[in-house]
Structures are given as structure tokens and as C-alpha cells.
PDB file of all heavy atoms in Angstrom:
ATOM      1  N   GLY A   1       0.766  -1.224   0.004  1.00  0.00           N
ATOM      2  CA  GLY A   1      -0.013  -0.002  -0.013  1.00  0.00           C
ATOM      3  C   GLY A   1       0.802   1.279  -0.008  1.00  0.00           C
ATOM      4  O   GLY A   1       0.233   2.380  -0.034  1.00  0.00           O
ATOM      5  N   THR A   2       2.116   1.176   0.011  1.00  0.00           N
ATOM      6  CA  THR A   2       2.953   2.392   0.007  1.00  0.00           C
ATOM      7  C   THR A   2       3.213   2.878  -1.418  1.00  0.00           C
ATOM      8  O   THR A   2       2.936   2.164  -2.406  1.00  0.00           O
ATOM      9  CB  THR A   2       4.310   2.115   0.694  1.00  0.00           C
ATOM     10  OG1 THR A   2       5.004   1.084  -0.074  1.00  0.00           O
ATOM     11  CG2 THR A   2       4.113   1.645   2.101  1.00  0.00           C
ATOM     12  N   ALA A   3       3.783   4.076  -1.532  1.00  0.00           N
ATOM     13  CA  ALA A   3       4.142   4.607  -2.839  1.00  0.00           C
ATOM     14  C   ALA A   3       5.202   3.707  -3.500  1.00  0.00           C
ATOM     15  O   ALA A   3       5.196   3.516  -4.726  1.00  0.00           O
ATOM     16  CB  ALA A   3       4.685   6.024  -2.700  1.00  0.00           C
ATOM     17  N   GLU A   4       6.095   3.158  -2.694  1.00  0.00           N
ATOM     18  CA  GLU A   4       7.111   2.259  -3.195  1.00  0.00           C
ATOM     19  C   GLU A   4       6.483   0.982  -3.750  1.00  0.00           C
ATOM     20  O   GLU A   4       6.964   0.414  -4.752  1.00  0.00           O
ATOM     21  CB  GLU A   4       8.128   1.912  -2.094  1.00  0.00           C
ATOM     22  CG  GLU A   4       9.003   3.055  -1.643  1.00  0.00           C
ATOM     23  CD  GLU A   4       8.285   4.080  -0.766  1.00  0.00           C
ATOM     24  OE1 GLU A   4       7.183   3.723  -0.220  1.00  0.00           O
ATOM     25  OE2 GLU A   4       8.775   5.205  -0.607  1.00  0.00           O
ATOM     26  N   TYR A   5       5.419   0.530  -3.122  1.00  0.00           N
ATOM     27  CA  TYR A   5       4.712  -0.668  -3.572  1.00  0.00           C
ATOM     28  C   TYR A   5       4.082  -0.430  -4.934  1.00  0.00           C
ATOM     29  O   TYR A   5       4.201  -1.264  -5.855  1.00  0.00           O
ATOM     30  CB  TYR A   5       3.650  -1.031  -2.515  1.00  0.00           C
ATOM     31  CG  TYR A   5       3.016  -2.394  -2.682  1.00  0.00           C
ATOM     32  CD1 TYR A   5       3.615  -3.514  -2.115  1.00  0.00           C
ATOM     33  CD2 TYR A   5       1.813  -2.544  -3.327  1.00  0.00           C
ATOM     34  CE1 TYR A   5       3.033  -4.777  -2.218  1.00  0.00           C
ATOM     35  CE2 TYR A   5       1.207  -3.798  -3.462  1.00  0.00           C
ATOM     36  CZ  TYR A   5       1.814  -4.901  -2.897  1.00  0.00           C
ATOM     37  OH  TYR A   5       1.243  -6.145  -3.006  1.00  0.00           O
ATOM     38  N   SER A   6       3.452   0.714  -5.093  1.00  0.00           N
ATOM     39  CA  SER A   6       2.871   1.091  -6.380  1.00  0.00           C
ATOM     40  C   SER A   6       3.922   1.114  -7.471  1.00  0.00           C
ATOM     41  O   SER A   6       3.728   0.590  -8.573  1.00  0.00           O
ATOM     42  CB  SER A   6       2.153   2.430  -6.287  1.00  0.00           C
ATOM     43  OG  SER A   6       1.072   2.394  -5.421  1.00  0.00           O
ATOM     44  N   GLN A   7       5.041   1.747  -7.184  1.00  0.00           N
ATOM     45  CA  GLN A   7       6.093   1.868  -8.177  1.00  0.00           C
ATOM     46  C   GLN A   7       6.688   0.504  -8.528  1.00  0.00           C
ATOM     47  O   GLN A   7       7.047   0.246  -9.695  1.00  0.00           O
ATOM     48  CB  GLN A   7       7.214   2.797  -7.682  1.00  0.00           C
ATOM     49  CG  GLN A   7       8.240   3.175  -8.744  1.00  0.00           C
ATOM     50  CD  GLN A   7       7.595   3.850  -9.946  1.00  0.00           C
ATOM     51  OE1 GLN A   7       6.858   4.841  -9.822  1.00  0.00           O
ATOM     52  NE2 GLN A   7       7.853   3.324 -11.142  1.00  0.00           N
ATOM     53  N   ALA A   8       6.778  -0.362  -7.530  1.00  0.00           N
ATOM     54  CA  ALA A   8       7.315  -1.712  -7.788  1.00  0.00           C
ATOM     55  C   ALA A   8       6.393  -2.461  -8.737  1.00  0.00           C
ATOM     56  O   ALA A   8       6.874  -3.206  -9.649  1.00  0.00           O
ATOM     57  CB  ALA A   8       7.474  -2.462  -6.482  1.00  0.00           C
ATOM     58  N   ILE A   9       5.094  -2.319  -8.599  1.00  0.00           N
ATOM     59  CA  ILE A   9       4.117  -2.960  -9.512  1.00  0.00           C
ATOM     60  C   ILE A   9       4.297  -2.388 -10.934  1.00  0.00           C
ATOM     61  O   ILE A   9       4.316  -3.158 -11.913  1.00  0.00           O
ATOM     62  CB  ILE A   9       2.683  -2.754  -9.010  1.00  0.00           C
ATOM     63  CG1 ILE A   9       2.474  -3.430  -7.665  1.00  0.00           C
ATOM     64  CG2 ILE A   9       1.685  -3.286 -10.050  1.00  0.00           C
ATOM     65  CD1 ILE A   9       1.149  -3.103  -7.011  1.00  0.00           C
ATOM     66  N   ILE A  10       4.385  -1.099 -11.016  1.00  0.00           N
ATOM     67  CA  ILE A  10       4.528  -0.424 -12.318  1.00  0.00           C
ATOM     68  C   ILE A  10       5.823  -0.884 -13.029  1.00  0.00           C
ATOM     69  O   ILE A  10       5.804  -1.217 -14.233  1.00  0.00           O
ATOM     70  CB  ILE A  10       4.521   1.095 -12.158  1.00  0.00           C
ATOM     71  CG1 ILE A  10       3.120   1.558 -11.732  1.00  0.00           C
ATOM     72  CG2 ILE A  10       4.973   1.800 -13.410  1.00  0.00           C
ATOM     73  CD1 ILE A  10       3.048   2.976 -11.233  1.00  0.00           C
ATOM     74  N   ASP A  11       6.895  -0.914 -12.274  1.00  0.00           N
ATOM     75  CA  ASP A  11       8.186  -1.373 -12.865  1.00  0.00           C
ATOM     76  C   ASP A  11       8.122  -2.807 -13.337  1.00  0.00           C
ATOM     77  O   ASP A  11       8.669  -3.145 -14.406  1.00  0.00           O
ATOM     78  CB  ASP A  11       9.311  -1.209 -11.813  1.00  0.00           C
ATOM     79  CG  ASP A  11       9.625   0.222 -11.489  1.00  0.00           C
ATOM     80  OD1 ASP A  11       9.248   1.143 -12.262  1.00  0.00           O
ATOM     81  OD2 ASP A  11      10.271   0.478 -10.435  1.00  0.00           O
ATOM     82  N   ALA A  12       7.445  -3.642 -12.579  1.00  0.00           N
ATOM     83  CA  ALA A  12       7.322  -5.041 -12.936  1.00  0.00           C
ATOM     84  C   ALA A  12       6.443  -5.224 -14.184  1.00  0.00           C
ATOM     85  O   ALA A  12       6.756  -6.062 -15.059  1.00  0.00           O
ATOM     86  CB  ALA A  12       6.735  -5.848 -11.770  1.00  0.00           C
ATOM     87  N   MET A  13       5.387  -4.452 -14.324  1.00  0.00           N
ATOM     88  CA  MET A  13       4.561  -4.526 -15.522  1.00  0.00           C
ATOM     89  C   MET A  13       5.364  -4.084 -16.746  1.00  0.00           C
ATOM     90  O   MET A  13       5.268  -4.686 -17.830  1.00  0.00           O
ATOM     91  CB  MET A  13       3.300  -3.699 -15.373  1.00  0.00           C
ATOM     92  CG  MET A  13       2.188  -4.410 -14.649  1.00  0.00           C
ATOM     93  SD  MET A  13       0.516  -3.783 -14.998  1.00  0.00           S
ATOM     94  CE  MET A  13       0.529  -2.280 -14.029  1.00  0.00           C
ATOM     95  N   ALA A  14       6.137  -3.023 -16.598  1.00  0.00           N
ATOM     96  CA  ALA A  14       6.932  -2.528 -17.733  1.00  0.00           C
ATOM     97  C   ALA A  14       7.951  -3.567 -18.206  1.00  0.00           C
ATOM     98  O   ALA A  14       8.290  -3.611 -19.377  1.00  0.00           O
ATOM     99  CB  ALA A  14       7.652  -1.246 -17.332  1.00  0.00           C
ATOM    100  N   ALA A  15       8.372  -4.436 -17.277  1.00  0.00           N
ATOM    101  CA  ALA A  15       9.364  -5.477 -17.606  1.00  0.00           C
ATOM    102  C   ALA A  15       8.726  -6.770 -18.051  1.00  0.00           C
ATOM    103  O   ALA A  15       9.433  -7.767 -18.268  1.00  0.00           O
ATOM    104  CB  ALA A  15      10.243  -5.713 -16.388  1.00  0.00           C
ATOM    105  N   THR A  16       7.410  -6.801 -18.260  1.00  0.00           N
ATOM    106  CA  THR A  16       6.707  -8.027 -18.667  1.00  0.00           C
ATOM    107  C   THR A  16       7.308  -8.611 -19.930  1.00  0.00           C
ATOM    108  O   THR A  16       7.554  -7.920 -20.912  1.00  0.00           O
ATOM    109  CB  THR A  16       5.208  -7.697 -18.914  1.00  0.00           C
ATOM    110  OG1 THR A  16       4.610  -7.298 -17.689  1.00  0.00           O
ATOM    111  CG2 THR A  16       4.478  -8.953 -19.444  1.00  0.00           C
ATOM    112  N   ASP A  17       7.509  -9.898 -19.912  1.00  0.00           N
ATOM    113  CA  ASP A  17       8.063 -10.623 -21.065  1.00  0.00           C
ATOM    114  C   ASP A  17       7.639 -12.087 -20.922  1.00  0.00           C
ATOM    115  O   ASP A  17       8.427 -12.934 -20.496  1.00  0.00           O
ATOM    116  CB  ASP A  17       9.587 -10.488 -21.119  1.00  0.00           C
ATOM    117  CG  ASP A  17      10.199 -11.056 -22.388  1.00  0.00           C
ATOM    118  OD1 ASP A  17       9.463 -11.652 -23.194  1.00  0.00           O
ATOM    119  OD2 ASP A  17      11.426 -10.920 -22.584  1.00  0.00           O
ATOM    120  N   SER A  18       6.394 -12.377 -21.259  1.00  0.00           N
ATOM    121  CA  SER A  18       5.868 -13.712 -20.982  1.00  0.00           C
ATOM    122  C   SER A  18       4.706 -14.047 -21.900  1.00  0.00           C
ATOM    123  O   SER A  18       4.159 -13.179 -22.585  1.00  0.00           O
ATOM    124  CB  SER A  18       5.397 -13.776 -19.508  1.00  0.00           C
ATOM    125  OG  SER A  18       5.062 -15.095 -19.163  1.00  0.00           O
ATOM    126  N   ASP A  19       4.362 -15.334 -21.938  1.00  0.00           N
ATOM    127  CA  ASP A  19       3.228 -15.819 -22.735  1.00  0.00           C
ATOM    128  C   ASP A  19       1.943 -15.715 -21.938  1.00  0.00           C
ATOM    129  O   ASP A  19       1.890 -16.098 -20.772  1.00  0.00           O
ATOM    130  CB  ASP A  19       3.458 -17.246 -23.149  1.00  0.00           C
ATOM    131  CG  ASP A  19       4.584 -17.424 -24.146  1.00  0.00           C
ATOM    132  OD1 ASP A  19       4.765 -16.507 -24.963  1.00  0.00           O
ATOM    133  OD2 ASP A  19       5.273 -18.452 -24.092  1.00  0.00           O
ATOM    134  N   TYR A  20       0.902 -15.223 -22.601  1.00  0.00           N
ATOM    135  CA  TYR A  20      -0.435 -15.138 -22.002  1.00  0.00           C
ATOM    136  C   TYR A  20      -1.439 -15.704 -23.006  1.00  0.00           C
ATOM    137  O   TYR A  20      -1.053 -16.110 -24.115  1.00  0.00           O
ATOM    138  CB  TYR A  20      -0.760 -13.679 -21.636  1.00  0.00           C
ATOM    139  CG  TYR A  20       0.166 -13.144 -20.569  1.00  0.00           C
ATOM    140  CD1 TYR A  20       1.300 -12.396 -20.908  1.00  0.00           C
ATOM    141  CD2 TYR A  20      -0.082 -13.395 -19.223  1.00  0.00           C
ATOM    142  CE1 TYR A  20       2.165 -11.929 -19.927  1.00  0.00           C
ATOM    143  CE2 TYR A  20       0.776 -12.918 -18.219  1.00  0.00           C
ATOM    144  CZ  TYR A  20       1.888 -12.181 -18.595  1.00  0.00           C
ATOM    145  OH  TYR A  20       2.762 -11.722 -17.631  1.00  0.00           O
ATOM    146  N   VAL A  21      -2.697 -15.708 -22.666  1.00  0.00           N
ATOM    147  CA  VAL A  21      -3.721 -16.290 -23.543  1.00  0.00           C
ATOM    148  C   VAL A  21      -3.747 -15.636 -24.907  1.00  0.00           C
ATOM    149  O   VAL A  21      -3.843 -16.282 -25.951  1.00  0.00           O
ATOM    150  CB  VAL A  21      -5.101 -16.207 -22.883  1.00  0.00           C
ATOM    151  CG1 VAL A  21      -6.196 -16.608 -23.886  1.00  0.00           C
ATOM    152  CG2 VAL A  21      -5.162 -17.089 -21.649  1.00  0.00           C
ATOM    153  N   THR A  22      -3.619 -14.301 -24.948  1.00  0.00           N
ATOM    154  CA  THR A  22      -3.723 -13.573 -26.227  1.00  0.00           C
ATOM    155  C   THR A  22      -2.357 -13.381 -26.908  1.00  0.00           C
ATOM    156  O   THR A  22      -2.264 -12.648 -27.871  1.00  0.00           O
ATOM    157  CB  THR A  22      -4.396 -12.189 -26.034  1.00  0.00           C
ATOM    158  OG1 THR A  22      -3.618 -11.432 -25.097  1.00  0.00           O
ATOM    159  CG2 THR A  22      -5.805 -12.359 -25.491  1.00  0.00           C
ATOM    160  N   GLY A  23      -1.334 -14.054 -26.399  1.00  0.00           N
ATOM    161  CA  GLY A  23      -0.041 -14.003 -27.059  1.00  0.00           C
ATOM    162  C   GLY A  23       1.111 -13.644 -26.148  1.00  0.00           C
ATOM    163  O   GLY A  23       0.920 -13.400 -24.962  1.00  0.00           O
ATOM    164  N   HIS A  24       2.282 -13.611 -26.712  1.00  0.00           N
ATOM    165  CA  HIS A  24       3.459 -13.223 -25.939  1.00  0.00           C
ATOM    166  C   HIS A  24       3.452 -11.713 -25.785  1.00  0.00           C
ATOM    167  O   HIS A  24       3.301 -10.991 -26.779  1.00  0.00           O
ATOM    168  CB  HIS A  24       4.748 -13.665 -26.650  1.00  0.00           C
ATOM    169  CG  HIS A  24       5.970 -13.478 -25.816  1.00  0.00           C
ATOM    170  ND1 HIS A  24       6.448 -14.426 -24.956  1.00  0.00           N
ATOM    171  CD2 HIS A  24       6.802 -12.400 -25.690  1.00  0.00           C
ATOM    172  CE1 HIS A  24       7.526 -13.983 -24.339  1.00  0.00           C
ATOM    173  NE2 HIS A  24       7.767 -12.763 -24.748  1.00  0.00           N
ATOM    174  N   VAL A  25       3.633 -11.218 -24.560  1.00  0.00           N
ATOM    175  CA  VAL A  25       3.530  -9.782 -24.300  1.00  0.00           C
ATOM    176  C   VAL A  25       4.840  -9.214 -23.800  1.00  0.00           C
ATOM    177  O   VAL A  25       5.437  -9.700 -22.837  1.00  0.00           O
ATOM    178  CB  VAL A  25       2.436  -9.482 -23.276  1.00  0.00           C
ATOM    179  CG1 VAL A  25       2.406  -7.998 -22.923  1.00  0.00           C
ATOM    180  CG2 VAL A  25       1.066  -9.921 -23.824  1.00  0.00           C
ATOM    181  N   THR A  26       5.312  -8.160 -24.502  1.00  0.00           N
ATOM    182  CA  THR A  26       6.317  -7.272 -23.993  1.00  0.00           C
ATOM    183  C   THR A  26       5.783  -5.860 -24.217  1.00  0.00           C
ATOM    184  O   THR A  26       4.827  -5.670 -25.001  1.00  0.00           O
ATOM    185  CB  THR A  26       7.667  -7.432 -24.732  1.00  0.00           C
ATOM    186  OG1 THR A  26       7.471  -7.147 -26.127  1.00  0.00           O
ATOM    187  CG2 THR A  26       8.241  -8.840 -24.560  1.00  0.00           C
ATOM    188  N   TYR A  27       6.354  -4.880 -23.536  1.00  0.00           N
ATOM    189  CA  TYR A  27       5.862  -3.504 -23.674  1.00  0.00           C
ATOM    190  C   TYR A  27       6.922  -2.588 -24.292  1.00  0.00           C
ATOM    191  O   TYR A  27       8.095  -2.698 -24.013  1.00  0.00           O
ATOM    192  CB  TYR A  27       5.426  -2.957 -22.310  1.00  0.00           C
ATOM    193  CG  TYR A  27       4.130  -3.528 -21.846  1.00  0.00           C
ATOM    194  CD1 TYR A  27       4.085  -4.567 -20.915  1.00  0.00           C
ATOM    195  CD2 TYR A  27       2.907  -3.081 -22.391  1.00  0.00           C
ATOM    196  CE1 TYR A  27       2.877  -5.114 -20.493  1.00  0.00           C
ATOM    197  CE2 TYR A  27       1.707  -3.628 -21.987  1.00  0.00           C
ATOM    198  CZ  TYR A  27       1.693  -4.647 -21.056  1.00  0.00           C
ATOM    199  OH  TYR A  27       0.489  -5.185 -20.674  1.00  0.00           O
ATOM    200  N   ASP A  28       6.418  -1.692 -25.184  1.00  0.00           N
ATOM    201  CA  ASP A  28       7.334  -0.696 -25.766  1.00  0.00           C
ATOM    202  C   ASP A  28       7.431   0.508 -24.820  1.00  0.00           C
ATOM    203  O   ASP A  28       6.912   0.489 -23.698  1.00  0.00           O
ATOM    204  CB  ASP A  28       6.846  -0.265 -27.180  1.00  0.00           C
ATOM    205  CG  ASP A  28       5.493   0.441 -27.173  1.00  0.00           C
ATOM    206  OD1 ASP A  28       5.028   0.864 -26.073  1.00  0.00           O
ATOM    207  OD2 ASP A  28       4.906   0.593 -28.245  1.00  0.00           O
ATOM    208  N   GLU A  29       8.083   1.567 -25.266  1.00  0.00           N
ATOM    209  CA  GLU A  29       8.302   2.739 -24.443  1.00  0.00           C
ATOM    210  C   GLU A  29       7.011   3.501 -24.120  1.00  0.00           C
ATOM    211  O   GLU A  29       7.008   4.385 -23.256  1.00  0.00           O
ATOM    212  CB  GLU A  29       9.333   3.681 -25.092  1.00  0.00           C
ATOM    213  CG  GLU A  29       8.877   4.345 -26.371  1.00  0.00           C
ATOM    214  CD  GLU A  29       9.180   3.510 -27.624  1.00  0.00           C
ATOM    215  OE1 GLU A  29       9.260   2.248 -27.528  1.00  0.00           O
ATOM    216  OE2 GLU A  29       9.365   4.120 -28.688  1.00  0.00           O
ATOM    217  N   TYR A  30       5.922   3.157 -24.805  1.00  0.00           N
ATOM    218  CA  TYR A  30       4.633   3.804 -24.534  1.00  0.00           C
ATOM    219  C   TYR A  30       3.696   2.884 -23.753  1.00  0.00           C
ATOM    220  O   TYR A  30       2.496   3.142 -23.663  1.00  0.00           O
ATOM    221  CB  TYR A  30       3.977   4.226 -25.861  1.00  0.00           C
ATOM    222  CG  TYR A  30       4.808   5.158 -26.683  1.00  0.00           C
ATOM    223  CD1 TYR A  30       5.495   4.700 -27.796  1.00  0.00           C
ATOM    224  CD2 TYR A  30       4.933   6.500 -26.320  1.00  0.00           C
ATOM    225  CE1 TYR A  30       6.293   5.550 -28.571  1.00  0.00           C
ATOM    226  CE2 TYR A  30       5.726   7.367 -27.065  1.00  0.00           C
ATOM    227  CZ  TYR A  30       6.410   6.887 -28.180  1.00  0.00           C
ATOM    228  OH  TYR A  30       7.187   7.747 -28.933  1.00  0.00           O
ATOM    229  N   ASN A  31       4.221   1.803 -23.221  1.00  0.00           N
ATOM    230  CA  ASN A  31       3.465   0.819 -22.449  1.00  0.00           C
ATOM    231  C   ASN A  31       2.382   0.141 -23.289  1.00  0.00           C
ATOM    232  O   ASN A  31       1.321  -0.281 -22.774  1.00  0.00           O
ATOM    233  CB  ASN A  31       2.814   1.473 -21.207  1.00  0.00           C
ATOM    234  CG  ASN A  31       3.839   1.807 -20.158  1.00  0.00           C
ATOM    235  OD1 ASN A  31       5.001   1.444 -20.259  1.00  0.00           O
ATOM    236  ND2 ASN A  31       3.404   2.484 -19.135  1.00  0.00           N
ATOM    237  N   ASN A  32       2.646   0.009 -24.591  1.00  0.00           N
ATOM    238  CA  ASN A  32       1.775  -0.728 -25.472  1.00  0.00           C
ATOM    239  C   ASN A  32       2.339  -2.114 -25.742  1.00  0.00           C
ATOM    240  O   ASN A  32       3.526  -2.246 -26.039  1.00  0.00           O
ATOM    241  CB  ASN A  32       1.591   0.020 -26.797  1.00  0.00           C
ATOM    242  CG  ASN A  32       0.902   1.343 -26.617  1.00  0.00           C
ATOM    243  OD1 ASN A  32      -0.067   1.448 -25.876  1.00  0.00           O
ATOM    244  ND2 ASN A  32       1.381   2.395 -27.296  1.00  0.00           N
ATOM    245  N   PRO A  33       1.511  -3.146 -25.688  1.00  0.00           N
ATOM    246  CA  PRO A  33       2.024  -4.497 -25.902  1.00  0.00           C
ATOM    247  C   PRO A  33       2.388  -4.744 -27.378  1.00  0.00           C
ATOM    248  O   PRO A  33       1.692  -4.253 -28.266  1.00  0.00           O
ATOM    249  CB  PRO A  33       0.857  -5.386 -25.471  1.00  0.00           C
ATOM    250  CG  PRO A  33      -0.352  -4.564 -25.689  1.00  0.00           C
ATOM    251  CD  PRO A  33       0.076  -3.141 -25.386  1.00  0.00           C
ATOM    252  N   GLN A  34       3.441  -5.476 -27.564  1.00  0.00           N
ATOM    253  CA  GLN A  34       3.866  -5.866 -28.885  1.00  0.00           C
ATOM    254  C   GLN A  34       3.300  -7.261 -29.176  1.00  0.00           C
ATOM    255  O   GLN A  34       3.709  -8.250 -28.604  1.00  0.00           O
ATOM    256  CB  GLN A  34       5.402  -5.880 -28.966  1.00  0.00           C
ATOM    257  CG  GLN A  34       6.030  -4.572 -28.557  1.00  0.00           C
ATOM    258  CD  GLN A  34       5.519  -3.399 -29.404  1.00  0.00           C
ATOM    259  OE1 GLN A  34       5.844  -3.260 -30.593  1.00  0.00           O
ATOM    260  NE2 GLN A  34       4.706  -2.534 -28.794  1.00  0.00           N
ATOM    261  N   LYS A  35       2.284  -7.322 -30.074  1.00  0.00           N
ATOM    262  CA  LYS A  35       1.549  -8.553 -30.319  1.00  0.00           C
ATOM    263  C   LYS A  35       1.171  -8.656 -31.795  1.00  0.00           C
ATOM    264  O   LYS A  35       1.238  -7.676 -32.514  1.00  0.00           O
ATOM    265  CB  LYS A  35       0.252  -8.555 -29.480  1.00  0.00           C
ATOM    266  CG  LYS A  35       0.448  -8.372 -28.013  1.00  0.00           C
ATOM    267  CD  LYS A  35      -0.862  -8.084 -27.308  1.00  0.00           C
ATOM    268  CE  LYS A  35      -1.777  -9.275 -27.305  1.00  0.00           C
ATOM    269  NZ  LYS A  35      -2.999  -9.043 -26.504  1.00  0.00           N
ATOM    270  N   THR A  36       0.759  -9.851 -32.179  1.00  0.00           N
ATOM    271  CA  THR A  36       0.166 -10.013 -33.522  1.00  0.00           C
ATOM    272  C   THR A  36      -1.350  -9.924 -33.370  1.00  0.00           C
ATOM    273  O   THR A  36      -1.882  -9.979 -32.263  1.00  0.00           O
ATOM    274  CB  THR A  36       0.526 -11.379 -34.107  1.00  0.00           C
ATOM    275  OG1 THR A  36       0.104 -12.413 -33.206  1.00  0.00           O
ATOM    276  CG2 THR A  36       2.023 -11.501 -34.360  1.00  0.00           C
ATOM    277  N   ALA A  37      -2.035  -9.768 -34.510  1.00  0.00           N
ATOM    278  CA  ALA A  37      -3.500  -9.693 -34.495  1.00  0.00           C
ATOM    279  C   ALA A  37      -4.079 -10.996 -35.006  1.00  0.00           C
ATOM    280  O   ALA A  37      -3.447 -11.697 -35.831  1.00  0.00           O
ATOM    281  CB  ALA A  37      -3.980  -8.564 -35.354  1.00  0.00           C
ATOM    282  N   ALA A  38      -5.255 -11.327 -34.519  1.00  0.00           N
ATOM    283  CA  ALA A  38      -6.005 -12.472 -35.050  1.00  0.00           C
ATOM    284  C   ALA A  38      -7.037 -11.893 -35.990  1.00  0.00           C
ATOM    285  O   ALA A  38      -7.808 -10.989 -35.627  1.00  0.00           O
ATOM    286  CB  ALA A  38      -6.673 -13.241 -33.929  1.00  0.00           C
ATOM    287  N   ILE A  39      -7.043 -12.344 -37.257  1.00  0.00           N
ATOM    288  CA  ILE A  39      -8.037 -11.874 -38.207  1.00  0.00           C
ATOM    289  C   ILE A  39      -9.234 -12.846 -38.172  1.00  0.00           C
ATOM    290  O   ILE A  39      -9.063 -14.051 -38.370  1.00  0.00           O
ATOM    291  CB  ILE A  39      -7.460 -11.789 -39.631  1.00  0.00           C
ATOM    292  CG1 ILE A  39      -6.271 -10.825 -39.692  1.00  0.00           C
ATOM    293  CG2 ILE A  39      -8.544 -11.379 -40.619  1.00  0.00           C
ATOM    294  CD1 ILE A  39      -6.625  -9.395 -39.333  1.00  0.00           C
ATOM    295  N   ILE A  40     -10.389 -12.292 -37.917  1.00  0.00           N
ATOM    296  CA  ILE A  40     -11.609 -13.107 -37.845  1.00  0.00           C
ATOM    297  C   ILE A  40     -12.461 -12.819 -39.058  1.00  0.00           C
ATOM    298  O   ILE A  40     -12.669 -11.662 -39.449  1.00  0.00           O
ATOM    299  CB  ILE A  40     -12.425 -12.726 -36.574  1.00  0.00           C
ATOM    300  CG1 ILE A  40     -11.533 -12.799 -35.311  1.00  0.00           C
ATOM    301  CG2 ILE A  40     -13.642 -13.627 -36.438  1.00  0.00           C
ATOM    302  CD1 ILE A  40     -10.948 -14.127 -35.020  1.00  0.00           C
ATOM    303  N   THR A  41     -12.959 -13.862 -39.681  1.00  0.00           N
ATOM    304  CA  THR A  41     -13.895 -13.712 -40.795  1.00  0.00           C
ATOM    305  C   THR A  41     -15.221 -14.379 -40.400  1.00  0.00           C
ATOM    306  O   THR A  41     -15.363 -14.859 -39.279  1.00  0.00           O
ATOM    307  CB  THR A  41     -13.335 -14.350 -42.083  1.00  0.00           C
ATOM    308  OG1 THR A  41     -14.165 -14.010 -43.190  1.00  0.00           O
ATOM    309  CG2 THR A  41     -13.194 -15.850 -41.959  1.00  0.00           C
ATOM    310  N   PHE A  42     -16.184 -14.336 -41.297  1.00  0.00           N
ATOM    311  CA  PHE A  42     -17.511 -14.902 -41.006  1.00  0.00           C
ATOM    312  C   PHE A  42     -17.879 -15.896 -42.081  1.00  0.00           C
ATOM    313  O   PHE A  42     -17.794 -15.613 -43.282  1.00  0.00           O
ATOM    314  CB  PHE A  42     -18.557 -13.803 -40.937  1.00  0.00           C
ATOM    315  CG  PHE A  42     -18.339 -12.807 -39.826  1.00  0.00           C
ATOM    316  CD1 PHE A  42     -17.476 -11.725 -40.001  1.00  0.00           C
ATOM    317  CD2 PHE A  42     -18.928 -12.977 -38.585  1.00  0.00           C
ATOM    318  CE1 PHE A  42     -17.263 -10.801 -38.992  1.00  0.00           C
ATOM    319  CE2 PHE A  42     -18.725 -12.076 -37.574  1.00  0.00           C
ATOM    320  CZ  PHE A  42     -17.878 -10.992 -37.758  1.00  0.00           C
ATOM    321  N   VAL A  43     -18.292 -17.084 -41.654  1.00  0.00           N
ATOM    322  CA  VAL A  43     -18.717 -18.135 -42.544  1.00  0.00           C
ATOM    323  C   VAL A  43     -20.066 -18.668 -42.032  1.00  0.00           C
ATOM    324  O   VAL A  43     -20.159 -19.065 -40.866  1.00  0.00           O
ATOM    325  CB  VAL A  43     -17.695 -19.271 -42.618  1.00  0.00           C
ATOM    326  CG1 VAL A  43     -18.207 -20.394 -43.530  1.00  0.00           C
ATOM    327  CG2 VAL A  43     -16.332 -18.756 -43.074  1.00  0.00           C
ATOM    328  N   ASP A  44     -21.072 -18.658 -42.893  1.00  0.00           N
ATOM    329  CA  ASP A  44     -22.412 -19.136 -42.523  1.00  0.00           C
ATOM    330  C   ASP A  44     -22.925 -18.467 -41.253  1.00  0.00           C
ATOM    331  O   ASP A  44     -23.527 -19.091 -40.376  1.00  0.00           O
ATOM    332  CB  ASP A  44     -22.394 -20.660 -42.321  1.00  0.00           C
ATOM    333  CG  ASP A  44     -22.073 -21.417 -43.613  1.00  0.00           C
ATOM    334  OD1 ASP A  44     -22.426 -20.904 -44.681  1.00  0.00           O
ATOM    335  OD2 ASP A  44     -21.473 -22.497 -43.530  1.00  0.00           O
ATOM    336  N   GLY A  45     -22.664 -17.160 -41.151  1.00  0.00           N
ATOM    337  CA  GLY A  45     -23.174 -16.384 -40.032  1.00  0.00           C
ATOM    338  C   GLY A  45     -22.451 -16.627 -38.712  1.00  0.00           C
ATOM    339  O   GLY A  45     -22.953 -16.218 -37.669  1.00  0.00           O
TER     340      GLY A  45
END
């Protein structure tokens, strides 16, 4: 609950480099994940 605790969480998220359900996630300098997209189409509704 301290300010140091908050910063530790933020630092750890920025250092993310792992596999998750929607793909392998790392973050760029803008905290945006580097991922591929899944293209979805429609067949028979």
C-alpha cells in the first residue's frame, strides 16, 4: 500500500516478457504490448 509498492508494480509490468492467452507480451516505451493480431472472418453467419 505504500508509494514504493505502487512503483514496484509499475516497474514489474513494464518489464513483462511472458506468454499469455492472447499471445506473448512485452511492452514498448509507450506501455503498449507488442503482439500479432488475429483476423476473424464470417462463414455461414
